[in-house]
Structure formats: structure tokens, C-alpha cells
Amino acid sequence: MPFLEQALGASLCNFDKDGGEVLGAVKDYFVSPAFKKNAPIADLGNP
């Protein structure tokens, strides 16, 4: 992921999981302290 961090100019967390496929990693991420502390916020704009 160094190329992506460099392109974005930001540090990224890696939550991949060997043998867990996408859903295994996603489930672990949603219950992690990292998600609870830094959950993304939807910006729906001003209607």
C-alpha cells in the first residue's frame, strides 16, 4: 500500500486477513476499536 499512501499523502491502516476474504476482514474491521474511534461519516450535503 505504500504507493497508495504516497498518492493520497496520508497513512492507511491495513485490515486485510489471510484466508478471510473480503467479508472476514470487513466483519473484523466493523467491530474493531479503530472503526469505533474513526468511523467514516456520510456527507449528504445540504438538501
N, C-alpha and C. Protein backbone atom coordinates (compact mmCIF):
# COMPACT_ATOMS: atom_id res chain seq x y z
N MET A 1 0.79 -1.20 0.00
CA MET A 1 0.00 0.00 0.00
C MET A 1 0.84 1.27 0.00
N PRO A 2 2.15 1.19 0.04
CA PRO A 2 2.93 2.43 0.06
C PRO A 2 2.63 3.36 -1.11
N PHE A 3 2.36 2.79 -2.30
CA PHE A 3 2.08 3.63 -3.45
C PHE A 3 0.78 4.41 -3.26
N LEU A 4 -0.20 3.80 -2.62
CA LEU A 4 -1.48 4.48 -2.38
C LEU A 4 -1.33 5.56 -1.32
N GLU A 5 -0.57 5.25 -0.26
CA GLU A 5 -0.31 6.25 0.77
C GLU A 5 0.42 7.45 0.18
N GLN A 6 1.37 7.18 -0.70
CA GLN A 6 2.12 8.27 -1.32
C GLN A 6 1.21 9.10 -2.21
N ALA A 7 0.36 8.46 -2.98
CA ALA A 7 -0.54 9.18 -3.88
C ALA A 7 -1.56 10.02 -3.12
N LEU A 8 -2.01 9.51 -1.98
CA LEU A 8 -3.01 10.23 -1.18
C LEU A 8 -2.38 11.22 -0.22
N GLY A 9 -1.11 11.02 0.09
CA GLY A 9 -0.45 11.86 1.08
C GLY A 9 -0.99 11.62 2.47
N ALA A 10 -1.38 10.36 2.73
CA ALA A 10 -1.96 10.01 4.03
C ALA A 10 -1.56 8.59 4.42
N SER A 11 -1.57 8.32 5.72
CA SER A 11 -1.31 6.97 6.21
C SER A 11 -2.59 6.15 6.15
N LEU A 12 -2.46 4.88 5.80
CA LEU A 12 -3.61 3.99 5.71
C LEU A 12 -3.41 2.81 6.65
N CYS A 13 -4.50 2.30 7.19
CA CYS A 13 -4.47 1.10 8.01
C CYS A 13 -4.76 -0.10 7.12
N ASN A 14 -4.12 -1.20 7.40
CA ASN A 14 -4.30 -2.40 6.63
C ASN A 14 -5.05 -3.43 7.48
N PHE A 15 -6.29 -3.71 7.13
CA PHE A 15 -7.10 -4.66 7.88
C PHE A 15 -7.33 -5.95 7.13
N ASP A 16 -6.45 -6.26 6.15
CA ASP A 16 -6.66 -7.49 5.41
C ASP A 16 -6.44 -8.69 6.33
N LYS A 17 -6.99 -9.82 5.92
CA LYS A 17 -6.96 -11.01 6.75
C LYS A 17 -6.68 -12.21 5.86
N ASP A 18 -5.60 -12.93 6.12
CA ASP A 18 -5.26 -14.11 5.32
C ASP A 18 -6.39 -15.14 5.41
N GLY A 19 -6.89 -15.55 4.27
CA GLY A 19 -7.93 -16.57 4.22
C GLY A 19 -9.29 -16.07 4.65
N GLY A 20 -9.41 -14.81 4.99
CA GLY A 20 -10.68 -14.30 5.47
C GLY A 20 -11.55 -13.72 4.38
N GLU A 21 -10.99 -13.61 3.18
CA GLU A 21 -11.68 -12.99 2.07
C GLU A 21 -12.19 -11.61 2.48
N VAL A 22 -13.00 -11.00 1.66
CA VAL A 22 -13.44 -9.63 1.94
C VAL A 22 -14.35 -9.57 3.16
N LEU A 23 -15.31 -10.45 3.25
CA LEU A 23 -16.27 -10.37 4.35
C LEU A 23 -15.64 -10.62 5.72
N GLY A 24 -14.66 -11.50 5.77
CA GLY A 24 -13.98 -11.76 7.04
C GLY A 24 -13.26 -10.52 7.54
N ALA A 25 -12.58 -9.83 6.65
CA ALA A 25 -11.86 -8.61 7.02
C ALA A 25 -12.84 -7.50 7.37
N VAL A 26 -13.92 -7.39 6.62
CA VAL A 26 -14.92 -6.34 6.88
C VAL A 26 -15.57 -6.54 8.25
N LYS A 27 -15.95 -7.77 8.55
CA LYS A 27 -16.58 -8.04 9.86
C LYS A 27 -15.63 -7.71 11.00
N ASP A 28 -14.37 -8.09 10.88
CA ASP A 28 -13.40 -7.78 11.92
C ASP A 28 -13.19 -6.27 12.06
N TYR A 29 -13.17 -5.56 10.94
CA TYR A 29 -12.97 -4.11 10.97
C TYR A 29 -14.14 -3.41 11.66
N PHE A 30 -15.37 -3.82 11.37
CA PHE A 30 -16.54 -3.13 11.94
C PHE A 30 -16.64 -3.28 13.46
N VAL A 31 -16.03 -4.28 14.03
CA VAL A 31 -16.07 -4.44 15.49
C VAL A 31 -14.77 -4.00 16.15
N SER A 32 -13.83 -3.49 15.35
CA SER A 32 -12.53 -3.09 15.89
C SER A 32 -12.58 -1.73 16.57
N PRO A 33 -11.68 -1.49 17.52
CA PRO A 33 -11.59 -0.16 18.15
C PRO A 33 -11.26 0.93 17.13
N ALA A 34 -10.52 0.58 16.07
CA ALA A 34 -10.17 1.57 15.04
C ALA A 34 -11.43 2.09 14.36
N PHE A 35 -12.38 1.23 14.07
CA PHE A 35 -13.62 1.67 13.42
C PHE A 35 -14.45 2.50 14.38
N LYS A 36 -14.54 2.05 15.62
CA LYS A 36 -15.34 2.78 16.61
C LYS A 36 -14.78 4.18 16.84
N LYS A 37 -13.46 4.31 16.79
CA LYS A 37 -12.83 5.61 17.03
C LYS A 37 -12.86 6.50 15.80
N ASN A 38 -12.77 5.92 14.61
CA ASN A 38 -12.65 6.70 13.38
C ASN A 38 -13.67 6.28 12.33
N ALA A 39 -14.89 6.03 12.73
CA ALA A 39 -15.90 5.62 11.76
C ALA A 39 -16.12 6.72 10.72
N PRO A 40 -16.24 6.32 9.46
CA PRO A 40 -16.50 7.34 8.43
C PRO A 40 -17.87 7.97 8.64
N ILE A 41 -17.96 9.22 8.28
CA ILE A 41 -19.22 9.95 8.42
C ILE A 41 -19.72 10.29 7.02
N ALA A 42 -20.96 9.95 6.75
CA ALA A 42 -21.53 10.25 5.44
C ALA A 42 -21.81 11.74 5.33
N ASP A 43 -21.37 12.34 4.25
CA ASP A 43 -21.65 13.74 3.99
C ASP A 43 -22.74 13.80 2.95
N LEU A 44 -23.96 14.03 3.40
CA LEU A 44 -25.09 14.04 2.49
C LEU A 44 -25.36 15.42 1.91
N GLY A 45 -24.55 16.38 2.32
CA GLY A 45 -24.71 17.73 1.79
C GLY A 45 -25.92 18.43 2.39
N ASN A 46 -26.22 19.54 1.85
CA ASN A 46 -27.39 20.31 2.32
C ASN A 46 -28.50 20.21 1.29
N PRO A 47 -29.56 19.48 1.62
CA PRO A 47 -30.66 19.33 0.65
C PRO A 47 -31.39 20.64 0.41
